[in-house]
Amino acid sequence: SIVPNALDEAHDLVINFVPKSSGSRRTLRVIGSRA
């Protein structure tokens, strides 16, 4: 099973790469989904 909140850390690491000049938008868009 997936460790609860384990992917939050990866999300936070990616967010830290967002350039400061991109404004206050700090969320990632979810793309794709399996039917």
All heavy atoms as atom14 arrays in JSON, in Angstrom:
{
  "sequence": "SIVPNALDEAHDLVINFVPKSSGSRRTLRVIGSRA",
  "atom14_mask": [
    [1, 1, 1, 1, 1, 1, 0, 0, 0, 0, 0, 0, 0, 0],
    [1, 1, 1, 1, 1, 1, 1, 1, 0, 0, 0, 0, 0, 0],
    [1, 1, 1, 1, 1, 1, 1, 0, 0, 0, 0, 0, 0, 0],
    [1, 1, 1, 1, 1, 1, 1, 0, 0, 0, 0, 0, 0, 0],
    [1, 1, 1, 1, 1, 1, 1, 1, 0, 0, 0, 0, 0, 0],
    [1, 1, 1, 1, 1, 0, 0, 0, 0, 0, 0, 0, 0, 0],
    [1, 1, 1, 1, 1, 1, 1, 1, 0, 0, 0, 0, 0, 0],
    [1, 1, 1, 1, 1, 1, 1, 1, 0, 0, 0, 0, 0, 0],
    [1, 1, 1, 1, 1, 1, 1, 1, 1, 0, 0, 0, 0, 0],
    [1, 1, 1, 1, 1, 0, 0, 0, 0, 0, 0, 0, 0, 0],
    [1, 1, 1, 1, 1, 1, 1, 1, 1, 1, 0, 0, 0, 0],
    [1, 1, 1, 1, 1, 1, 1, 1, 0, 0, 0, 0, 0, 0],
    [1, 1, 1, 1, 1, 1, 1, 1, 0, 0, 0, 0, 0, 0],
    [1, 1, 1, 1, 1, 1, 1, 0, 0, 0, 0, 0, 0, 0],
    [1, 1, 1, 1, 1, 1, 1, 1, 0, 0, 0, 0, 0, 0],
    [1, 1, 1, 1, 1, 1, 1, 1, 0, 0, 0, 0, 0, 0],
    [1, 1, 1, 1, 1, 1, 1, 1, 1, 1, 1, 0, 0, 0],
    [1, 1, 1, 1, 1, 1, 1, 0, 0, 0, 0, 0, 0, 0],
    [1, 1, 1, 1, 1, 1, 1, 0, 0, 0, 0, 0, 0, 0],
    [1, 1, 1, 1, 1, 1, 1, 1, 1, 0, 0, 0, 0, 0],
    [1, 1, 1, 1, 1, 1, 0, 0, 0, 0, 0, 0, 0, 0],
    [1, 1, 1, 1, 1, 1, 0, 0, 0, 0, 0, 0, 0, 0],
    [1, 1, 1, 1, 0, 0, 0, 0, 0, 0, 0, 0, 0, 0],
    [1, 1, 1, 1, 1, 1, 0, 0, 0, 0, 0, 0, 0, 0],
    [1, 1, 1, 1, 1, 1, 1, 1, 1, 1, 1, 0, 0, 0],
    [1, 1, 1, 1, 1, 1, 1, 1, 1, 1, 1, 0, 0, 0],
    [1, 1, 1, 1, 1, 1, 1, 0, 0, 0, 0, 0, 0, 0],
    [1, 1, 1, 1, 1, 1, 1, 1, 0, 0, 0, 0, 0, 0],
    [1, 1, 1, 1, 1, 1, 1, 1, 1, 1, 1, 0, 0, 0],
    [1, 1, 1, 1, 1, 1, 1, 0, 0, 0, 0, 0, 0, 0],
    [1, 1, 1, 1, 1, 1, 1, 1, 0, 0, 0, 0, 0, 0],
    [1, 1, 1, 1, 0, 0, 0, 0, 0, 0, 0, 0, 0, 0],
    [1, 1, 1, 1, 1, 1, 0, 0, 0, 0, 0, 0, 0, 0],
    [1, 1, 1, 1, 1, 1, 1, 1, 1, 1, 1, 0, 0, 0],
    [1, 1, 1, 1, 1, 0, 0, 0, 0, 0, 0, 0, 0, 0]
  ],
  "atom14_positions": [
    [[0.85, -1.18, 0.0], [0.0, 0.0, 0.0], [0.89, 1.24, 0.0], [2.07, 1.18, 0.39], [-0.93, 0.01, 1.22], [-0.18, -0.02, 2.41], [0.0, 0.0, 0.0], [0.0, 0.0, 0.0], [0.0, 0.0, 0.0], [0.0, 0.0, 0.0], [0.0, 0.0, 0.0], [0.0, 0.0, 0.0], [0.0, 0.0, 0.0], [0.0, 0.0, 0.0]],
    [[0.32, 2.34, -0.44], [1.05, 3.61, -0.43], [1.12, 4.11, 1.0], [0.13, 4.06, 1.73], [0.36, 4.65, -1.34], [0.43, 4.19, -2.81], [0.98, 6.03, -1.16], [-0.28, 5.1, -3.79], [0.0, 0.0, 0.0], [0.0, 0.0, 0.0], [0.0, 0.0, 0.0], [0.0, 0.0, 0.0], [0.0, 0.0, 0.0], [0.0, 0.0, 0.0]],
    [[2.27, 4.59, 1.41], [2.43, 5.17, 2.73], [1.63, 6.48, 2.76], [1.79, 7.32, 1.86], [3.92, 5.45, 3.05], [4.07, 6.22, 4.34], [4.7, 4.14, 3.1], [0.0, 0.0, 0.0], [0.0, 0.0, 0.0], [0.0, 0.0, 0.0], [0.0, 0.0, 0.0], [0.0, 0.0, 0.0], [0.0, 0.0, 0.0], [0.0, 0.0, 0.0]],
    [[0.74, 6.64, 3.74], [-0.06, 7.87, 3.79], [0.83, 9.12, 3.76], [1.83, 9.19, 4.46], [-0.8, 7.76, 5.13], [-0.83, 6.3, 5.41], [0.44, 5.74, 4.84], [0.0, 0.0, 0.0], [0.0, 0.0, 0.0], [0.0, 0.0, 0.0], [0.0, 0.0, 0.0], [0.0, 0.0, 0.0], [0.0, 0.0, 0.0], [0.0, 0.0, 0.0]],
    [[0.47, 10.05, 2.94], [1.16, 11.34, 2.79], [2.58, 11.24, 2.24], [3.29, 12.24, 2.23], [1.15, 12.12, 4.11], [-0.25, 12.35, 4.62], [-1.15, 12.68, 3.85], [-0.46, 12.15, 5.9], [0.0, 0.0, 0.0], [0.0, 0.0, 0.0], [0.0, 0.0, 0.0], [0.0, 0.0, 0.0], [0.0, 0.0, 0.0], [0.0, 0.0, 0.0]],
    [[3.0, 10.08, 1.79], [4.37, 9.93, 1.28], [4.61, 10.78, 0.05], [5.71, 11.32, -0.13], [4.67, 8.47, 0.97], [0.0, 0.0, 0.0], [0.0, 0.0, 0.0], [0.0, 0.0, 0.0], [0.0, 0.0, 0.0], [0.0, 0.0, 0.0], [0.0, 0.0, 0.0], [0.0, 0.0, 0.0], [0.0, 0.0, 0.0], [0.0, 0.0, 0.0]],
    [[3.61, 10.92, -0.79], [3.79, 11.71, -2.0], [3.74, 13.21, -1.73], [4.13, 14.01, -2.58], [2.77, 11.3, -3.06], [3.01, 9.88, -3.59], [1.84, 9.41, -4.42], [4.3, 9.8, -4.37], [0.0, 0.0, 0.0], [0.0, 0.0, 0.0], [0.0, 0.0, 0.0], [0.0, 0.0, 0.0], [0.0, 0.0, 0.0], [0.0, 0.0, 0.0]],
    [[3.29, 13.6, -0.53], [3.31, 15.02, -0.16], [4.74, 15.56, -0.19], [4.97, 16.69, -0.61], [2.73, 15.24, 1.24], [1.23, 15.0, 1.29], [0.6, 14.84, 0.22], [0.7, 14.95, 2.42], [0.0, 0.0, 0.0], [0.0, 0.0, 0.0], [0.0, 0.0, 0.0], [0.0, 0.0, 0.0], [0.0, 0.0, 0.0], [0.0, 0.0, 0.0]],
    [[5.67, 14.75, 0.25], [7.07, 15.18, 0.27], [7.59, 15.42, -1.14], [8.25, 16.42, -1.41], [7.93, 14.13, 0.98], [9.36, 14.55, 1.17], [10.18, 13.52, 1.92], [9.7, 12.4, 2.17], [11.33, 13.86, 2.26], [0.0, 0.0, 0.0], [0.0, 0.0, 0.0], [0.0, 0.0, 0.0], [0.0, 0.0, 0.0], [0.0, 0.0, 0.0]],
    [[7.26, 14.52, -2.07], [7.66, 14.72, -3.46], [7.0, 15.97, -4.03], [7.65, 16.76, -4.73], [7.31, 13.49, -4.29], [0.0, 0.0, 0.0], [0.0, 0.0, 0.0], [0.0, 0.0, 0.0], [0.0, 0.0, 0.0], [0.0, 0.0, 0.0], [0.0, 0.0, 0.0], [0.0, 0.0, 0.0], [0.0, 0.0, 0.0], [0.0, 0.0, 0.0]],
    [[5.75, 16.17, -3.72], [5.03, 17.37, -4.15], [5.74, 18.62, -3.65], [5.98, 19.56, -4.41], [3.59, 17.32, -3.64], [2.81, 18.56, -3.88], [2.78, 19.6, -2.98], [2.04, 18.94, -4.93], [2.01, 20.56, -3.46], [1.56, 20.19, -4.64], [0.0, 0.0, 0.0], [0.0, 0.0, 0.0], [0.0, 0.0, 0.0], [0.0, 0.0, 0.0]],
    [[6.08, 18.63, -2.36], [6.75, 19.8, -1.77], [8.11, 20.05, -2.41], [8.5, 21.21, -2.63], [6.9, 19.62, -0.26], [5.55, 19.63, 0.46], [4.54, 20.04, -0.16], [5.51, 19.2, 1.63], [0.0, 0.0, 0.0], [0.0, 0.0, 0.0], [0.0, 0.0, 0.0], [0.0, 0.0, 0.0], [0.0, 0.0, 0.0], [0.0, 0.0, 0.0]],
    [[8.83, 18.98, -2.73], [10.13, 19.15, -3.39], [9.96, 19.78, -4.77], [10.72, 20.67, -5.15], [10.85, 17.81, -3.52], [11.44, 17.25, -2.22], [11.78, 15.77, -2.4], [12.67, 18.04, -1.82], [0.0, 0.0, 0.0], [0.0, 0.0, 0.0], [0.0, 0.0, 0.0], [0.0, 0.0, 0.0], [0.0, 0.0, 0.0], [0.0, 0.0, 0.0]],
    [[8.94, 19.34, -5.51], [8.69, 19.91, -6.84], [8.3, 21.38, -6.72], [8.79, 22.23, -7.46], [7.61, 19.1, -7.59], [7.17, 19.82, -8.85], [8.15, 17.72, -7.93], [0.0, 0.0, 0.0], [0.0, 0.0, 0.0], [0.0, 0.0, 0.0], [0.0, 0.0, 0.0], [0.0, 0.0, 0.0], [0.0, 0.0, 0.0], [0.0, 0.0, 0.0]],
    [[7.43, 21.68, -5.78], [6.98, 23.06, -5.58], [8.16, 23.97, -5.29], [8.19, 25.12, -5.73], [5.93, 23.13, -4.44], [4.62, 22.5, -4.88], [5.71, 24.56, -3.97], [3.95, 23.18, -6.05], [0.0, 0.0, 0.0], [0.0, 0.0, 0.0], [0.0, 0.0, 0.0], [0.0, 0.0, 0.0], [0.0, 0.0, 0.0], [0.0, 0.0, 0.0]],
    [[9.16, 23.46, -4.58], [10.33, 24.29, -4.27], [11.13, 24.67, -5.5], [11.93, 25.59, -5.46], [11.23, 23.58, -3.25], [10.64, 23.63, -1.86], [9.94, 24.56, -1.5], [10.9, 22.61, -1.08], [0.0, 0.0, 0.0], [0.0, 0.0, 0.0], [0.0, 0.0, 0.0], [0.0, 0.0, 0.0], [0.0, 0.0, 0.0], [0.0, 0.0, 0.0]],
    [[10.91, 23.95, -6.62], [11.61, 24.29, -7.86], [10.89, 25.38, -8.66], [11.43, 25.89, -9.63], [11.78, 23.05, -8.75], [12.82, 22.1, -8.26], [12.47, 20.82, -7.86], [14.15, 22.48, -8.18], [13.43, 19.93, -7.4], [15.12, 21.6, -7.72], [14.76, 20.33, -7.33], [0.0, 0.0, 0.0], [0.0, 0.0, 0.0], [0.0, 0.0, 0.0]],
    [[9.66, 25.71, -8.26], [8.91, 26.75, -8.98], [9.64, 28.08, -8.79], [9.94, 28.47, -7.66], [7.46, 26.85, -8.45], [6.73, 28.02, -9.08], [6.73, 25.54, -8.7], [0.0, 0.0, 0.0], [0.0, 0.0, 0.0], [0.0, 0.0, 0.0], [0.0, 0.0, 0.0], [0.0, 0.0, 0.0], [0.0, 0.0, 0.0], [0.0, 0.0, 0.0]],
    [[9.96, 28.76, -9.89], [10.67, 30.05, -9.77], [9.87, 31.04, -8.93], [8.64, 31.1, -9.02], [10.78, 30.53, -11.22], [10.6, 29.32, -12.06], [9.71, 28.39, -11.28], [0.0, 0.0, 0.0], [0.0, 0.0, 0.0], [0.0, 0.0, 0.0], [0.0, 0.0, 0.0], [0.0, 0.0, 0.0], [0.0, 0.0, 0.0], [0.0, 0.0, 0.0]],
    [[10.57, 31.8, -8.14], [9.94, 32.8, -7.27], [9.15, 33.81, -8.09], [8.16, 34.34, -7.65], [10.99, 33.52, -6.42], [11.81, 32.59, -5.55], [11.03, 32.15, -4.34], [11.94, 31.37, -3.43], [11.41, 30.16, -2.97], [0.0, 0.0, 0.0], [0.0, 0.0, 0.0], [0.0, 0.0, 0.0], [0.0, 0.0, 0.0], [0.0, 0.0, 0.0]],
    [[9.59, 34.1, -9.3], [8.95, 35.11, -10.14], [7.61, 34.66, -10.71], [6.92, 35.43, -11.34], [9.87, 35.5, -11.3], [10.1, 34.37, -12.12], [0.0, 0.0, 0.0], [0.0, 0.0, 0.0], [0.0, 0.0, 0.0], [0.0, 0.0, 0.0], [0.0, 0.0, 0.0], [0.0, 0.0, 0.0], [0.0, 0.0, 0.0], [0.0, 0.0, 0.0]],
    [[7.23, 33.4, -10.48], [5.98, 32.9, -11.05], [4.76, 33.33, -10.25], [3.65, 32.93, -10.54], [6.02, 31.37, -11.15], [5.98, 30.81, -9.87], [0.0, 0.0, 0.0], [0.0, 0.0, 0.0], [0.0, 0.0, 0.0], [0.0, 0.0, 0.0], [0.0, 0.0, 0.0], [0.0, 0.0, 0.0], [0.0, 0.0, 0.0], [0.0, 0.0, 0.0]],
    [[4.95, 34.15, -9.24], [3.83, 34.64, -8.45], [3.54, 33.73, -7.28], [4.37, 32.95, -6.84], [0.0, 0.0, 0.0], [0.0, 0.0, 0.0], [0.0, 0.0, 0.0], [0.0, 0.0, 0.0], [0.0, 0.0, 0.0], [0.0, 0.0, 0.0], [0.0, 0.0, 0.0], [0.0, 0.0, 0.0], [0.0, 0.0, 0.0], [0.0, 0.0, 0.0]],
    [[2.33, 33.84, -6.8], [1.97, 33.09, -5.58], [1.34, 31.74, -5.89], [0.96, 31.02, -4.98], [1.01, 33.92, -4.73], [-0.19, 34.13, -5.46], [0.0, 0.0, 0.0], [0.0, 0.0, 0.0], [0.0, 0.0, 0.0], [0.0, 0.0, 0.0], [0.0, 0.0, 0.0], [0.0, 0.0, 0.0], [0.0, 0.0, 0.0], [0.0, 0.0, 0.0]],
    [[1.2, 31.37, -7.15], [0.61, 30.08, -7.5], [1.54, 28.97, -7.04], [2.62, 28.81, -7.55], [0.38, 30.0, -9.0], [-0.37, 28.76, -9.38], [-0.88, 28.88, -10.81], [-1.61, 27.68, -11.13], [-1.13, 26.73, -11.93], [0.04, 26.87, -12.51], [-1.83, 25.66, -12.17], [0.0, 0.0, 0.0], [0.0, 0.0, 0.0], [0.0, 0.0, 0.0]],
    [[1.12, 28.16, -6.09], [1.96, 27.14, -5.48], [1.33, 25.76, -5.52], [1.63, 24.93, -4.69], [2.28, 27.5, -4.03], [2.89, 28.85, -3.81], [4.23, 29.0, -4.45], [5.24, 28.35, -3.65], [6.5, 28.22, -4.0], [6.91, 28.71, -5.14], [7.35, 27.61, -3.24], [0.0, 0.0, 0.0], [0.0, 0.0, 0.0], [0.0, 0.0, 0.0]],
    [[0.45, 25.48, -6.48], [-0.15, 24.17, -6.58], [0.2, 23.54, -7.92], [0.47, 24.23, -8.89], [-1.69, 24.23, -6.45], [-2.2, 25.07, -7.48], [-2.1, 24.77, -5.09], [0.0, 0.0, 0.0], [0.0, 0.0, 0.0], [0.0, 0.0, 0.0], [0.0, 0.0, 0.0], [0.0, 0.0, 0.0], [0.0, 0.0, 0.0], [0.0, 0.0, 0.0]],
    [[0.2, 22.24, -7.95], [0.45, 21.49, -9.19], [-0.87, 20.99, -9.73], [-1.75, 20.58, -8.98], [1.38, 20.31, -8.93], [2.8, 20.64, -8.56], [3.58, 19.36, -8.31], [3.48, 21.43, -9.66], [0.0, 0.0, 0.0], [0.0, 0.0, 0.0], [0.0, 0.0, 0.0], [0.0, 0.0, 0.0], [0.0, 0.0, 0.0], [0.0, 0.0, 0.0]],
    [[-0.98, 20.99, -11.01], [-2.16, 20.49, -11.69], [-2.02, 18.98, -11.87], [-0.95, 18.5, -12.25], [-2.25, 21.17, -13.04], [-3.47, 20.9, -13.82], [-3.48, 21.78, -15.05], [-2.24, 21.6, -15.79], [-2.18, 21.2, -17.05], [-3.27, 20.97, -17.72], [-1.03, 21.04, -17.65], [0.0, 0.0, 0.0], [0.0, 0.0, 0.0], [0.0, 0.0, 0.0]],
    [[-3.05, 18.22, -11.59], [-3.04, 16.78, -11.79], [-3.42, 16.51, -13.23], [-4.44, 17.0, -13.71], [-4.02, 16.08, -10.84], [-4.08, 14.59, -11.13], [-3.64, 16.33, -9.4], [0.0, 0.0, 0.0], [0.0, 0.0, 0.0], [0.0, 0.0, 0.0], [0.0, 0.0, 0.0], [0.0, 0.0, 0.0], [0.0, 0.0, 0.0], [0.0, 0.0, 0.0]],
    [[-2.57, 15.76, -13.93], [-2.86, 15.44, -15.32], [-3.05, 13.95, -15.48], [-2.37, 13.16, -14.83], [-1.77, 15.96, -16.28], [-0.4, 15.42, -15.89], [-1.75, 17.46, -16.31], [0.71, 15.78, -16.83], [0.0, 0.0, 0.0], [0.0, 0.0, 0.0], [0.0, 0.0, 0.0], [0.0, 0.0, 0.0], [0.0, 0.0, 0.0], [0.0, 0.0, 0.0]],
    [[-3.99, 13.57, -16.3], [-4.22, 12.16, -16.59], [-4.94, 11.45, -15.47], [-4.88, 11.83, -14.33], [0.0, 0.0, 0.0], [0.0, 0.0, 0.0], [0.0, 0.0, 0.0], [0.0, 0.0, 0.0], [0.0, 0.0, 0.0], [0.0, 0.0, 0.0], [0.0, 0.0, 0.0], [0.0, 0.0, 0.0], [0.0, 0.0, 0.0], [0.0, 0.0, 0.0]],
    [[-5.61, 10.4, -15.85], [-6.32, 9.57, -14.89], [-6.65, 8.27, -15.58], [-6.94, 8.25, -16.76], [-7.6, 10.26, -14.44], [-8.31, 9.41, -13.58], [0.0, 0.0, 0.0], [0.0, 0.0, 0.0], [0.0, 0.0, 0.0], [0.0, 0.0, 0.0], [0.0, 0.0, 0.0], [0.0, 0.0, 0.0], [0.0, 0.0, 0.0], [0.0, 0.0, 0.0]],
    [[-6.59, 7.22, -14.85], [-6.95, 5.93, -15.43], [-8.43, 5.7, -15.24], [-8.97, 5.92, -14.17], [-6.17, 4.81, -14.76], [-4.74, 4.84, -15.13], [-4.14, 3.53, -14.78], [-2.74, 3.59, -15.18], [-2.12, 2.6, -15.74], [-2.72, 1.48, -15.95], [-0.86, 2.71, -16.08], [0.0, 0.0, 0.0], [0.0, 0.0, 0.0], [0.0, 0.0, 0.0]],
    [[-9.07, 5.23, -16.28], [-10.5, 4.92, -16.2], [-10.68, 3.51, -15.64], [-9.81, 2.67, -15.75], [-11.12, 5.01, -17.58], [0.0, 0.0, 0.0], [0.0, 0.0, 0.0], [0.0, 0.0, 0.0], [0.0, 0.0, 0.0], [0.0, 0.0, 0.0], [0.0, 0.0, 0.0], [0.0, 0.0, 0.0], [0.0, 0.0, 0.0], [0.0, 0.0, 0.0]]
  ]
}
